Protein backbone atom coordinates (compact mmCIF):
# COMPACT_ATOMS: atom_id res chain seq x y z
CA TYR A 1 21.67 -18.02 -67.81
CA ARG A 2 21.84 -14.56 -66.47
CA LEU A 3 20.41 -15.67 -63.12
CA THR A 4 22.82 -18.61 -62.95
CA GLY A 5 25.76 -16.26 -63.66
CA GLN A 6 24.63 -13.94 -60.92
CA GLN A 7 24.17 -16.86 -58.56
CA GLN A 8 27.70 -18.08 -59.32
CA GLU A 9 29.04 -14.57 -58.71
CA ILE A 10 27.14 -14.40 -55.42
CA ASN A 11 28.50 -17.82 -54.44
CA SER A 12 32.01 -16.70 -55.37
CA LEU A 13 31.64 -13.49 -53.35
CA MET A 14 30.28 -15.48 -50.38
CA GLN A 15 33.29 -17.81 -50.55
CA ARG A 16 35.66 -14.83 -50.67
CA LYS A 17 33.79 -13.22 -47.75
CA SER A 18 34.04 -16.46 -45.80
CA ALA A 19 37.80 -16.64 -46.52
CA VAL A 20 38.23 -13.00 -45.48
CA ASP A 21 36.20 -13.63 -42.31
CA GLU A 22 38.39 -16.64 -41.48
CA GLU A 23 41.55 -14.58 -42.09
CA ASN A 24 40.16 -11.76 -39.94
CA ALA A 25 39.39 -14.21 -37.13
CA ARG A 26 42.90 -15.67 -37.39
CA LEU A 27 44.49 -12.20 -37.38
CA LYS A 28 42.33 -11.12 -34.40
CA ASN A 29 43.41 -14.22 -32.52
CA GLU A 30 47.07 -13.60 -33.42
CA PHE A 31 46.73 -9.96 -32.42
CA GLY A 32 45.17 -10.99 -29.09
CA ASN A 33 48.06 -13.37 -28.42
CA LEU A 34 50.63 -10.72 -29.35
CA ASN A 35 48.83 -8.14 -27.22
CA TRP A 36 48.82 -10.53 -24.25
CA LYS A 37 52.55 -11.23 -24.75
CA PHE A 38 53.21 -7.49 -25.00
CA LYS A 39 51.34 -6.80 -21.75
CA ASP A 40 53.21 -9.67 -20.08
CA LYS A 41 56.58 -8.37 -21.30
CA SER A 42 55.64 -4.80 -20.33
CA GLN A 43 54.87 -5.96 -16.78
CA GLU A 44 58.10 -7.97 -16.73
CA LEU A 45 60.04 -4.88 -17.83
CA LYS A 46 58.30 -2.74 -15.22
CA ASP A 47 59.13 -5.30 -12.51
CA THR A 48 62.75 -5.47 -13.66
CA GLU A 49 63.05 -1.69 -13.65
CA GLU A 50 61.58 -1.53 -10.15
CA ARG A 51 64.05 -4.18 -8.93
CA ALA A 52 66.93 -2.31 -10.57
CA GLN A 53 65.83 0.96 -8.95
CA LYS A 54 65.58 -0.68 -5.51
CA LYS A 55 69.02 -2.21 -6.02
CA GLU A 56 70.45 1.19 -6.97
CA GLU A 57 68.91 2.73 -3.86
CA GLN A 58 70.38 -0.06 -1.72
CA ASN A 59 73.78 0.45 -3.36
CA ARG A 60 73.63 4.20 -2.74
CA LEU A 61 72.80 3.55 0.90
CA VAL A 62 75.66 1.03 1.24
CA ILE A 63 78.07 3.48 -0.38
CA LYS A 64 76.89 6.30 1.91
CA ASN A 65 77.32 4.08 4.97
CA LEU A 66 80.78 2.96 3.83
CA GLU A 67 81.80 6.57 3.21
CA GLU A 68 80.64 7.53 6.71
CA GLU A 69 82.49 4.57 8.19
CA ASN A 70 85.60 5.45 6.19
CA LYS A 71 85.38 9.04 7.44
CA GLY A 72 85.22 7.78 11.02
CA LEU A 73 88.15 5.45 10.43
CA ASN A 74 90.20 8.27 8.92
CA ILE A 75 89.53 10.41 12.01
CA CYS A 76 90.46 7.47 14.26
CA CYS A 77 93.70 6.87 12.31
CA ALA A 78 94.61 10.56 12.52
CA ASP A 79 94.01 10.49 16.28
CA LEU A 80 96.11 7.32 16.65
CA LEU A 81 98.95 8.86 14.61
CA SER A 82 98.80 11.96 16.77
CA ASP A 83 98.92 9.83 19.95
CA LEU A 84 101.84 7.84 18.51
CA GLU A 85 103.74 11.03 17.74
CA LYS A 86 103.12 12.29 21.32
CA LEU A 87 104.34 8.96 22.72
CA ARG A 88 107.48 9.06 20.57
CA LYS A 89 108.24 12.59 21.77
CA GLN A 90 107.62 11.49 25.35
CA GLU A 91 109.88 8.46 24.81
CA ALA A 92 112.61 10.69 23.40
CA GLN A 93 112.21 13.02 26.39
CA TRP A 94 112.41 10.10 28.86
CA LYS A 95 115.50 8.72 27.09
CA LYS A 96 117.11 12.14 27.29
CA GLU A 97 116.26 12.40 30.99
CA LYS A 98 117.50 8.83 31.63
CA SER A 99 120.73 9.54 29.80
CA GLY A 100 121.20 12.68 31.92
CA ASN A 101 120.45 10.72 35.08
CA ASP A 102 122.82 7.90 34.03
CA THR A 103 125.55 10.46 33.40
CA ARG A 104 125.01 12.06 36.83
CA ILE A 105 125.03 8.66 38.53
CA LYS A 106 128.39 7.76 36.97
């Protein structure tokens, strides 16, 4: 009886070991899948961050170019306003001279 009891205990332990081995295999497989997904998502995140950084650099360059263009346009507008003011003064001077000439002619 003693031997049979030990044999049953051994059989029971072997069954438990087999169940634990199966669970370990399942967990290893699940871990492998999760690890693969993690690596995939990590690469996806890295790619997204790189795209975002490139987009930011492009935006900075566009903003810099627009600021330079705006600066040039501001200078051009200032020059045009200055020219307009000179032309208005010249027009006023010509009108004054014409008025004087018209008065002399009469």
